[in-house]
Structure formats: structure tokens, C-alpha cells
Amino acid sequence: MTDQEVSTNAEAEEETFYGLSCDPDILEKLLLAIIRANTDDKSEESDAIRLNKAMHSLVGKSASKYAVTNDADYKALRYMGELLHRDECNRDMHKIKHYNSPNPPDVPKVRTPHALAFVAAKQFAPHAYDEEDIIRMANRLREKFNGTYYKKSKSRPKINSAMTFKYMAVEHDGAVESVEFQALEKICAVLAKHGVKTKLK
């Protein structure tokens, strides 16, 4: 595969990062840490393109489709998916538990995207944000969560629904991520002794 083909593929993938995706594998995370610490700010190539080139040089294949996440709201949206999944589970378990009850208690409510967005905005907004910033962030998260945000832009991900973010939240394994991060820190410490700079996000 030529450099042009690698670049074209990476750019196409950057435009459609939303999907039923997993986090990048540990090799991709390590390469990204090296790339981000050793990239000139004047470089016109994106992290996705440089990662693809590195993967092709080392293992002869492209990086996973969603290895480089460009949306700063990604974690907040996944958190909204987690909250939605939890609400739906609580509702369904309540219905099962009180199926034959003559006077069942009120069914727990499933929060709307609007309500979930405000919870996520307060959780993930920078500390310097004021109330108006929180409101703006919450509105943006709500639109991204239900897909209307992308209808306004020319670059529209193939999948951008609440179901996608809920799936991503359910599939995400925080324990594995923590173990991988600790391993990466150790590898980066060894590389630093040999003069290789890294930058873990």
C-alpha cells in the first residue's frame, strides 16, 4: 500500500469514527504515544495517518478503524450511554420484579437525552466552565447523542445514535484499560531510558 493510499484510508476513517468500535489495541496506543511526543507541530499529517504508516511499517497492516478518536466529547457520550443502559436495566428489572404485584410501585424513569447530557456535562466539563458553558456543552452532547448534531455538518458519521454510544459503554472494559495503561507506563519508562520520548493521554 502506498503512502497516498494509507493517507486516504486514514482520512476517510477519521470522518466516521462513530460505530460499534473497541478501543485501540496496546500496540496502537504505544505507537500513538511515541507519535504524539515526537511530532512537529507544523506537520500537516494527522495522528491517524502517521499511525497507519507506522503500523504498515511494523506489522504490514492498517491501524484499527477507530484507533484515533478526534471527538473530545467521546468519553462524555459514552458515559451518557452507560447511564442510559443503567436506567433501562433498572426499569426492566422493576417490571420483572413486580410483574404479578397488584399495586406495584412507580416504574423508575429512563432519563431523556437532555437530562443525561446535563449530568455528563457537569461530570466532564473543564473546571473553569461556568453555568452558560455547561448549558452549551449539554446541548452539544444531547445533539450528538441523538444524532441531530451531525445532520448539520457536511461530515456525517455512518452511525451516530444513542444505541451506538450505549453499546460502546457496555462493551468498554475499564479494568482491562487500567491494566493496559499500567503496562504502557512501564514500557514508556523503559523507552525513556533509551532516549525515546512518549506522551500518553
Protein backbone atom coordinates (compact mmCIF):
# COMPACT_ATOMS: atom_id res chain seq x y z
CA MET A 1 0.00 0.00 0.00
CA THR A 2 1.35 3.43 -0.97
CA ASP A 3 1.65 6.45 1.32
CA GLN A 4 -1.19 8.07 -0.63
CA GLU A 5 -3.46 5.07 -0.07
CA VAL A 6 -2.58 4.99 3.64
CA SER A 7 -3.36 8.71 3.94
CA THR A 8 -6.65 8.40 2.05
CA ASN A 9 -7.82 5.48 4.18
CA ALA A 10 -6.92 7.25 7.42
CA GLU A 11 -8.72 10.45 6.41
CA ALA A 12 -11.84 8.51 5.48
CA GLU A 13 -11.79 6.69 8.81
CA GLU A 14 -11.37 9.92 10.76
CA GLU A 15 -14.66 11.17 9.32
CA THR A 16 -16.61 8.13 10.54
CA PHE A 17 -15.16 7.31 13.92
CA TYR A 18 -18.55 6.57 15.45
CA GLY A 19 -19.51 2.95 15.13
CA LEU A 20 -19.57 -0.29 17.05
CA SER A 21 -15.93 0.07 17.94
CA CYS A 22 -13.42 -1.01 20.55
CA ASP A 23 -10.53 0.99 21.91
CA PRO A 24 -7.20 0.73 20.08
CA ASP A 25 -5.02 -2.24 21.00
CA ILE A 26 -1.92 -1.82 23.15
CA LEU A 27 0.49 -1.63 20.19
CA GLU A 28 -1.56 1.17 18.63
CA LYS A 29 -1.65 3.00 21.97
CA LEU A 30 2.13 2.72 22.30
CA LEU A 31 2.74 3.93 18.75
CA LEU A 32 0.37 6.86 19.29
CA ALA A 33 2.25 7.78 22.49
CA ILE A 34 5.53 7.85 20.54
CA ILE A 35 3.99 9.72 17.59
CA ARG A 36 2.40 12.40 19.77
CA ALA A 37 5.64 13.03 21.67
CA ASN A 38 7.80 13.24 18.56
CA THR A 39 5.63 15.14 16.09
CA ASP A 40 6.45 18.62 14.89
CA ASP A 41 3.52 20.98 15.43
CA LYS A 42 3.99 22.19 11.86
CA SER A 43 3.35 18.73 10.43
CA GLU A 44 0.31 18.54 8.17
CA GLU A 45 -0.21 14.81 8.71
CA SER A 46 -2.79 13.77 11.29
CA ASP A 47 -2.17 11.24 14.06
CA ALA A 48 -4.35 8.75 12.16
CA ILE A 49 -2.21 8.96 9.02
CA ARG A 50 1.06 8.68 10.94
CA LEU A 51 -0.29 5.74 12.95
CA ASN A 52 -1.33 3.94 9.77
CA LYS A 53 2.14 4.42 8.30
CA ALA A 54 3.77 3.12 11.49
CA MET A 55 1.50 0.07 11.60
CA HIS A 56 2.22 -0.73 7.95
CA SER A 57 5.97 -0.43 8.56
CA LEU A 58 5.91 -2.64 11.65
CA VAL A 59 3.22 -5.25 11.04
CA GLY A 60 2.11 -4.73 7.45
CA LYS A 61 -1.48 -3.75 8.18
CA SER A 62 -3.57 -0.67 8.90
CA ALA A 63 -4.45 0.52 12.37
CA SER A 64 -7.93 -0.39 13.62
CA LYS A 65 -10.62 1.81 12.14
CA TYR A 66 -11.30 3.86 15.25
CA ALA A 67 -7.83 3.88 16.84
CA VAL A 68 -7.61 7.66 16.79
CA THR A 69 -10.57 9.45 18.35
CA ASN A 70 -10.90 13.08 17.31
CA ASP A 71 -14.06 13.97 19.21
CA ALA A 72 -13.29 15.49 22.61
CA ASP A 73 -16.81 14.59 23.73
CA TYR A 74 -16.25 10.85 23.23
CA LYS A 75 -15.93 9.96 26.93
CA ALA A 76 -18.91 12.09 27.91
CA LEU A 77 -21.07 10.48 25.20
CA ARG A 78 -20.02 7.01 26.27
CA TYR A 79 -20.87 7.97 29.85
CA MET A 80 -24.34 9.01 28.67
CA GLY A 81 -24.67 5.61 27.02
CA GLU A 82 -23.72 3.96 30.31
CA LEU A 83 -26.31 5.98 32.24
CA LEU A 84 -29.00 5.19 29.67
CA HIS A 85 -28.19 1.48 29.84
CA ARG A 86 -28.40 1.59 33.64
CA ASP A 87 -31.75 3.41 33.59
CA GLU A 88 -33.21 0.90 31.14
CA CYS A 89 -31.95 -2.04 33.19
CA ASN A 90 -33.46 -0.59 36.39
CA ARG A 91 -36.79 -0.07 34.61
CA ASP A 92 -36.87 -3.58 33.15
CA MET A 93 -35.82 -5.27 36.40
CA HIS A 94 -38.52 -3.32 38.23
CA LYS A 95 -41.16 -4.60 35.78
CA ILE A 96 -39.95 -8.18 36.17
CA LYS A 97 -39.85 -7.95 39.96
CA HIS A 98 -43.36 -6.54 40.25
CA TYR A 99 -44.92 -8.43 37.34
CA ASN A 100 -47.68 -10.03 39.44
CA SER A 101 -47.95 -7.34 42.06
CA PRO A 102 -51.49 -5.90 42.45
CA ASN A 103 -50.15 -2.49 43.49
CA PRO A 104 -46.66 -2.11 42.00
CA PRO A 105 -44.63 0.97 42.87
CA ASP A 106 -43.96 3.54 40.19
CA VAL A 107 -41.66 2.35 37.42
CA PRO A 108 -38.22 4.05 37.57
CA LYS A 109 -37.92 6.64 34.85
CA VAL A 110 -35.45 6.43 31.98
CA ARG A 111 -33.80 9.83 31.71
CA THR A 112 -34.12 11.76 28.48
CA PRO A 113 -31.05 12.63 26.37
CA HIS A 114 -31.50 16.20 27.64
CA ALA A 115 -31.23 15.11 31.29
CA LEU A 116 -28.35 12.72 30.59
CA ALA A 117 -26.48 15.44 28.73
CA PHE A 118 -26.56 17.77 31.74
CA VAL A 119 -25.27 15.03 34.04
CA ALA A 120 -22.43 14.27 31.62
CA ALA A 121 -21.63 17.94 31.04
CA LYS A 122 -21.23 18.57 34.77
CA GLN A 123 -19.08 15.43 35.06
CA PHE A 124 -16.74 16.12 32.13
CA ALA A 125 -16.68 19.89 31.66
CA PRO A 126 -13.36 21.61 32.42
CA HIS A 127 -13.19 23.12 35.90
CA ALA A 128 -13.15 26.66 34.50
CA TYR A 129 -16.56 26.22 32.86
CA ASP A 130 -19.35 28.47 34.13
CA GLU A 131 -23.08 27.74 34.04
CA GLU A 132 -23.51 29.03 30.48
CA ASP A 133 -20.65 26.83 29.27
CA ILE A 134 -22.26 23.83 30.95
CA ILE A 135 -25.53 24.55 29.17
CA ARG A 136 -23.79 24.88 25.79
CA MET A 137 -21.87 21.65 26.35
CA ALA A 138 -25.02 19.83 27.46
CA ASN A 139 -26.88 20.97 24.34
CA ARG A 140 -24.00 19.80 22.14
CA LEU A 141 -23.87 16.42 23.89
CA ARG A 142 -27.63 15.99 23.57
CA GLU A 143 -27.49 16.68 19.83
CA LYS A 144 -24.56 14.31 19.33
CA PHE A 145 -26.24 11.63 21.40
CA ASN A 146 -29.45 11.66 19.38
CA GLY A 147 -27.71 12.29 16.03
CA THR A 148 -29.13 15.71 15.16
CA TYR A 149 -25.73 17.40 15.58
CA TYR A 150 -24.29 15.53 12.61
CA LYS A 151 -27.17 16.38 10.30
CA LYS A 152 -25.98 19.98 10.44
CA SER A 153 -22.46 19.16 9.23
CA LYS A 154 -21.10 18.01 5.89
CA SER A 155 -19.18 15.16 7.52
CA ARG A 156 -21.76 12.76 8.93
CA PRO A 157 -20.73 9.53 10.69
CA LYS A 158 -22.39 6.37 9.44
CA ILE A 159 -23.72 5.55 12.91
CA ASN A 160 -24.49 8.27 15.42
CA SER A 161 -27.39 7.11 17.57
CA ALA A 162 -27.88 6.66 21.30
CA MET A 163 -27.79 2.91 20.70
CA THR A 164 -24.21 3.16 19.44
CA PHE A 165 -22.98 5.04 22.49
CA LYS A 166 -24.84 2.66 24.78
CA TYR A 167 -23.23 -0.31 23.04
CA MET A 168 -19.79 1.28 23.33
CA ALA A 169 -20.33 1.90 27.05
CA VAL A 170 -21.46 -1.68 27.69
CA GLU A 171 -18.57 -3.18 25.70
CA HIS A 172 -15.96 -0.95 27.33
CA ASP A 173 -13.88 -2.74 29.97
CA GLY A 174 -12.36 -0.27 32.43
CA ALA A 175 -10.35 -2.99 34.22
CA VAL A 176 -8.60 -4.04 31.02
CA GLU A 177 -7.95 -0.42 30.13
CA SER A 178 -6.37 0.19 33.56
CA VAL A 179 -4.08 -2.85 33.29
CA GLU A 180 -3.05 -1.83 29.76
CA PHE A 181 -2.30 1.72 30.88
CA GLN A 182 -0.06 0.46 33.69
CA ALA A 183 1.77 -1.77 31.20
CA LEU A 184 2.18 1.17 28.81
CA GLU A 185 3.60 3.33 31.59
CA LYS A 186 6.24 0.68 32.30
CA ILE A 187 7.12 0.34 28.60
CA CYS A 188 7.34 4.12 28.24
CA ALA A 189 9.63 4.29 31.28
CA VAL A 190 11.98 1.77 29.64
CA LEU A 191 11.89 3.67 26.34
CA ALA A 192 12.69 6.93 28.16
CA LYS A 193 15.91 5.37 29.46
CA HIS A 194 16.90 4.86 25.83
CA GLY A 195 16.01 8.40 24.79
CA VAL A 196 12.61 7.66 23.23
CA LYS A 197 10.02 10.24 24.16
CA THR A 198 6.39 9.21 24.65
CA LYS A 199 3.18 11.02 25.51
CA LEU A 200 0.31 9.05 26.97
CA LYS A 201 -3.09 10.75 27.01
